[in-house]
């Protein structure tokens, strides 16, 4: 619930025309890739400190999506262009990064 309120606050009043913020584009690929990479790193860092899969997943999600959310908050405060579409690609990249990390953890490193 808190996350929904933060996102709504960050993006409230975003009057950018949809034509200037397409769903597909180079910046969306960057958001996706950065979030996926950060989620992988977060999950990996979690694997160094805990054996609990839930904690590793939570850290991966927190790092991956947290960075994207922080970027949109920065854009909102600095007069940039906060975008719900960017945040959507951040969420997708985070999900893919965490799933890839979990699959590696499970099937390559043989963690139960």
C-alpha atoms as a PDB file:
ATOM      1  CA  UNK A   1       0.000   0.000   0.000  1.00  0.00           C
ATOM      2  CA  UNK A   2       2.810   2.378   0.887  1.00  0.00           C
ATOM      3  CA  UNK A   3       4.516   1.640  -2.432  1.00  0.00           C
ATOM      4  CA  UNK A   4       1.323   2.494  -4.333  1.00  0.00           C
ATOM      5  CA  UNK A   5       1.073   5.810  -2.483  1.00  0.00           C
ATOM      6  CA  UNK A   6       4.716   6.632  -3.215  1.00  0.00           C
ATOM      7  CA  UNK A   7       4.283   5.876  -6.911  1.00  0.00           C
ATOM      8  CA  UNK A   8       1.088   7.923  -7.085  1.00  0.00           C
ATOM      9  CA  UNK A   9       2.788  10.858  -5.357  1.00  0.00           C
ATOM     10  CA  UNK A  10       5.821  10.687  -7.586  1.00  0.00           C
ATOM     11  CA  UNK A  11       3.806  10.663 -10.770  1.00  0.00           C
ATOM     12  CA  UNK A  12       0.926  12.923  -9.738  1.00  0.00           C
ATOM     13  CA  UNK A  13       0.585  15.846 -12.039  1.00  0.00           C
ATOM     14  CA  UNK A  14       2.675  14.309 -14.801  1.00  0.00           C
ATOM     15  CA  UNK A  15       1.273  16.201 -17.764  1.00  0.00           C
ATOM     16  CA  UNK A  16       3.635  14.859 -20.385  1.00  0.00           C
ATOM     17  CA  UNK A  17       1.976  14.015 -23.674  1.00  0.00           C
ATOM     18  CA  UNK A  18       1.874  10.310 -24.404  1.00  0.00           C
ATOM     19  CA  UNK A  19       3.544  10.884 -27.761  1.00  0.00           C
ATOM     20  CA  UNK A  20       6.706  12.053 -25.996  1.00  0.00           C
ATOM     21  CA  UNK A  21       6.859   8.941 -23.839  1.00  0.00           C
ATOM     22  CA  UNK A  22       6.388   5.886 -26.055  1.00  0.00           C
ATOM     23  CA  UNK A  23       6.063   2.417 -24.525  1.00  0.00           C
ATOM     24  CA  UNK A  24       8.919   1.148 -26.659  1.00  0.00           C
ATOM     25  CA  UNK A  25      12.180   2.972 -27.058  1.00  0.00           C
ATOM     26  CA  UNK A  26      15.816   3.099 -26.100  1.00  0.00           C
ATOM     27  CA  UNK A  27      15.130   4.578 -22.666  1.00  0.00           C
ATOM     28  CA  UNK A  28      12.648   1.799 -21.877  1.00  0.00           C
ATOM     29  CA  UNK A  29      15.266  -0.829 -22.787  1.00  0.00           C
ATOM     30  CA  UNK A  30      17.722   0.944 -20.474  1.00  0.00           C
ATOM     31  CA  UNK A  31      15.196   0.934 -17.623  1.00  0.00           C
ATOM     32  CA  UNK A  32      14.500  -2.761 -18.185  1.00  0.00           C
ATOM     33  CA  UNK A  33      18.169  -3.743 -18.413  1.00  0.00           C
ATOM     34  CA  UNK A  34      19.339  -1.664 -15.460  1.00  0.00           C
ATOM     35  CA  UNK A  35      16.555  -2.971 -13.233  1.00  0.00           C
ATOM     36  CA  UNK A  36      17.203  -6.574 -14.269  1.00  0.00           C
ATOM     37  CA  UNK A  37      20.922  -6.207 -13.571  1.00  0.00           C
ATOM     38  CA  UNK A  38      20.373  -4.542 -10.222  1.00  0.00           C
ATOM     39  CA  UNK A  39      17.852  -7.219  -9.221  1.00  0.00           C
ATOM     40  CA  UNK A  40      20.416  -9.915 -10.068  1.00  0.00           C
ATOM     41  CA  UNK A  41      23.034  -8.120  -7.976  1.00  0.00           C
ATOM     42  CA  UNK A  42      20.605  -7.668  -5.089  1.00  0.00           C
ATOM     43  CA  UNK A  43      19.641 -11.332  -5.136  1.00  0.00           C
ATOM     44  CA  UNK A  44      23.306 -12.326  -5.324  1.00  0.00           C
ATOM     45  CA  UNK A  45      24.194 -10.095  -2.393  1.00  0.00           C
ATOM     46  CA  UNK A  46      21.360 -11.667  -0.447  1.00  0.00           C
ATOM     47  CA  UNK A  47      22.734 -15.117  -1.229  1.00  0.00           C
ATOM     48  CA  UNK A  48      26.001 -14.102   0.456  1.00  0.00           C
ATOM     49  CA  UNK A  49      24.289 -13.320   3.749  1.00  0.00           C
ATOM     50  CA  UNK A  50      21.286 -15.641   4.042  1.00  0.00           C
ATOM     51  CA  UNK A  51      20.070 -19.068   3.013  1.00  0.00           C
ATOM     52  CA  UNK A  52      16.443 -17.918   2.957  1.00  0.00           C
ATOM     53  CA  UNK A  53      15.136 -17.675  -0.590  1.00  0.00           C
ATOM     54  CA  UNK A  54      12.452 -15.191   0.461  1.00  0.00           C
ATOM     55  CA  UNK A  55      15.074 -12.801   1.813  1.00  0.00           C
ATOM     56  CA  UNK A  56      17.175 -13.044  -1.346  1.00  0.00           C
ATOM     57  CA  UNK A  57      14.122 -12.391  -3.522  1.00  0.00           C
ATOM     58  CA  UNK A  58      13.096  -9.433  -1.343  1.00  0.00           C
ATOM     59  CA  UNK A  59      16.570  -7.924  -1.582  1.00  0.00           C
ATOM     60  CA  UNK A  60      16.614  -8.400  -5.364  1.00  0.00           C
ATOM     61  CA  UNK A  61      13.232  -6.724  -5.725  1.00  0.00           C
ATOM     62  CA  UNK A  62      14.183  -3.954  -3.320  1.00  0.00           C
ATOM     63  CA  UNK A  63      17.397  -3.110  -5.127  1.00  0.00           C
ATOM     64  CA  UNK A  64      16.015  -3.471  -8.669  1.00  0.00           C
ATOM     65  CA  UNK A  65      12.713  -1.682  -8.252  1.00  0.00           C
ATOM     66  CA  UNK A  66      13.989   0.658  -5.540  1.00  0.00           C
ATOM     67  CA  UNK A  67      16.533   2.137  -7.930  1.00  0.00           C
ATOM     68  CA  UNK A  68      13.862   2.696 -10.580  1.00  0.00           C
ATOM     69  CA  UNK A  69      11.533   4.292  -8.069  1.00  0.00           C
ATOM     70  CA  UNK A  70      14.337   6.508  -6.775  1.00  0.00           C
ATOM     71  CA  UNK A  71      15.090   7.623 -10.348  1.00  0.00           C
ATOM     72  CA  UNK A  72      11.481   8.585 -10.984  1.00  0.00           C
ATOM     73  CA  UNK A  73      11.305  10.421  -7.652  1.00  0.00           C
ATOM     74  CA  UNK A  74      14.479  12.299  -8.595  1.00  0.00           C
ATOM     75  CA  UNK A  75      12.978  13.192 -11.985  1.00  0.00           C
ATOM     76  CA  UNK A  76       9.848  14.485 -10.280  1.00  0.00           C
ATOM     77  CA  UNK A  77      11.780  16.648  -7.816  1.00  0.00           C
ATOM     78  CA  UNK A  78      14.409  17.949 -10.235  1.00  0.00           C
ATOM     79  CA  UNK A  79      12.035  19.055 -12.954  1.00  0.00           C
ATOM     80  CA  UNK A  80      12.756  15.999 -15.101  1.00  0.00           C
ATOM     81  CA  UNK A  81      10.176  13.774 -16.719  1.00  0.00           C
ATOM     82  CA  UNK A  82       8.829  11.153 -14.284  1.00  0.00           C
ATOM     83  CA  UNK A  83       7.112   8.375 -16.147  1.00  0.00           C
ATOM     84  CA  UNK A  84       4.780   5.582 -15.157  1.00  0.00           C
ATOM     85  CA  UNK A  85       5.895   3.811 -18.326  1.00  0.00           C
ATOM     86  CA  UNK A  86       9.526   3.927 -17.179  1.00  0.00           C
ATOM     87  CA  UNK A  87       8.444   2.534 -13.830  1.00  0.00           C
ATOM     88  CA  UNK A  88       6.531  -0.244 -15.589  1.00  0.00           C
ATOM     89  CA  UNK A  89       9.684  -1.260 -17.463  1.00  0.00           C
ATOM     90  CA  UNK A  90      11.620  -1.084 -14.181  1.00  0.00           C
ATOM     91  CA  UNK A  91       9.115  -3.513 -12.641  1.00  0.00           C
ATOM     92  CA  UNK A  92       9.354  -5.870 -15.629  1.00  0.00           C
ATOM     93  CA  UNK A  93      13.157  -5.807 -15.553  1.00  0.00           C
ATOM     94  CA  UNK A  94      13.173  -6.411 -11.814  1.00  0.00           C
ATOM     95  CA  UNK A  95      10.866  -9.410 -12.193  1.00  0.00           C
ATOM     96  CA  UNK A  96      13.002 -10.922 -14.946  1.00  0.00           C
ATOM     97  CA  UNK A  97      16.218 -10.290 -12.994  1.00  0.00           C
ATOM     98  CA  UNK A  98      14.907 -11.938  -9.847  1.00  0.00           C
ATOM     99  CA  UNK A  99      13.533 -14.945 -11.745  1.00  0.00           C
ATOM    100  CA  UNK A 100      16.837 -15.426 -13.601  1.00  0.00           C
ATOM    101  CA  UNK A 101      18.766 -15.143 -10.328  1.00  0.00           C
ATOM    102  CA  UNK A 102      16.465 -17.658  -8.655  1.00  0.00           C
ATOM    103  CA  UNK A 103      16.782 -20.078 -11.571  1.00  0.00           C
ATOM    104  CA  UNK A 104      20.582 -19.812 -11.452  1.00  0.00           C
ATOM    105  CA  UNK A 105      20.503 -20.285  -7.703  1.00  0.00           C
ATOM    106  CA  UNK A 106      18.249 -23.308  -7.966  1.00  0.00           C
ATOM    107  CA  UNK A 107      19.599 -25.141 -11.000  1.00  0.00           C
ATOM    108  CA  UNK A 108      23.211 -24.022 -11.414  1.00  0.00           C
ATOM    109  CA  UNK A 109      24.271 -23.624  -7.798  1.00  0.00           C
ATOM    110  CA  UNK A 110      21.887 -26.428  -6.695  1.00  0.00           C
ATOM    111  CA  UNK A 111      20.331 -24.609  -3.767  1.00  0.00           C
ATOM    112  CA  UNK A 112      17.100 -26.234  -2.635  1.00  0.00           C
END
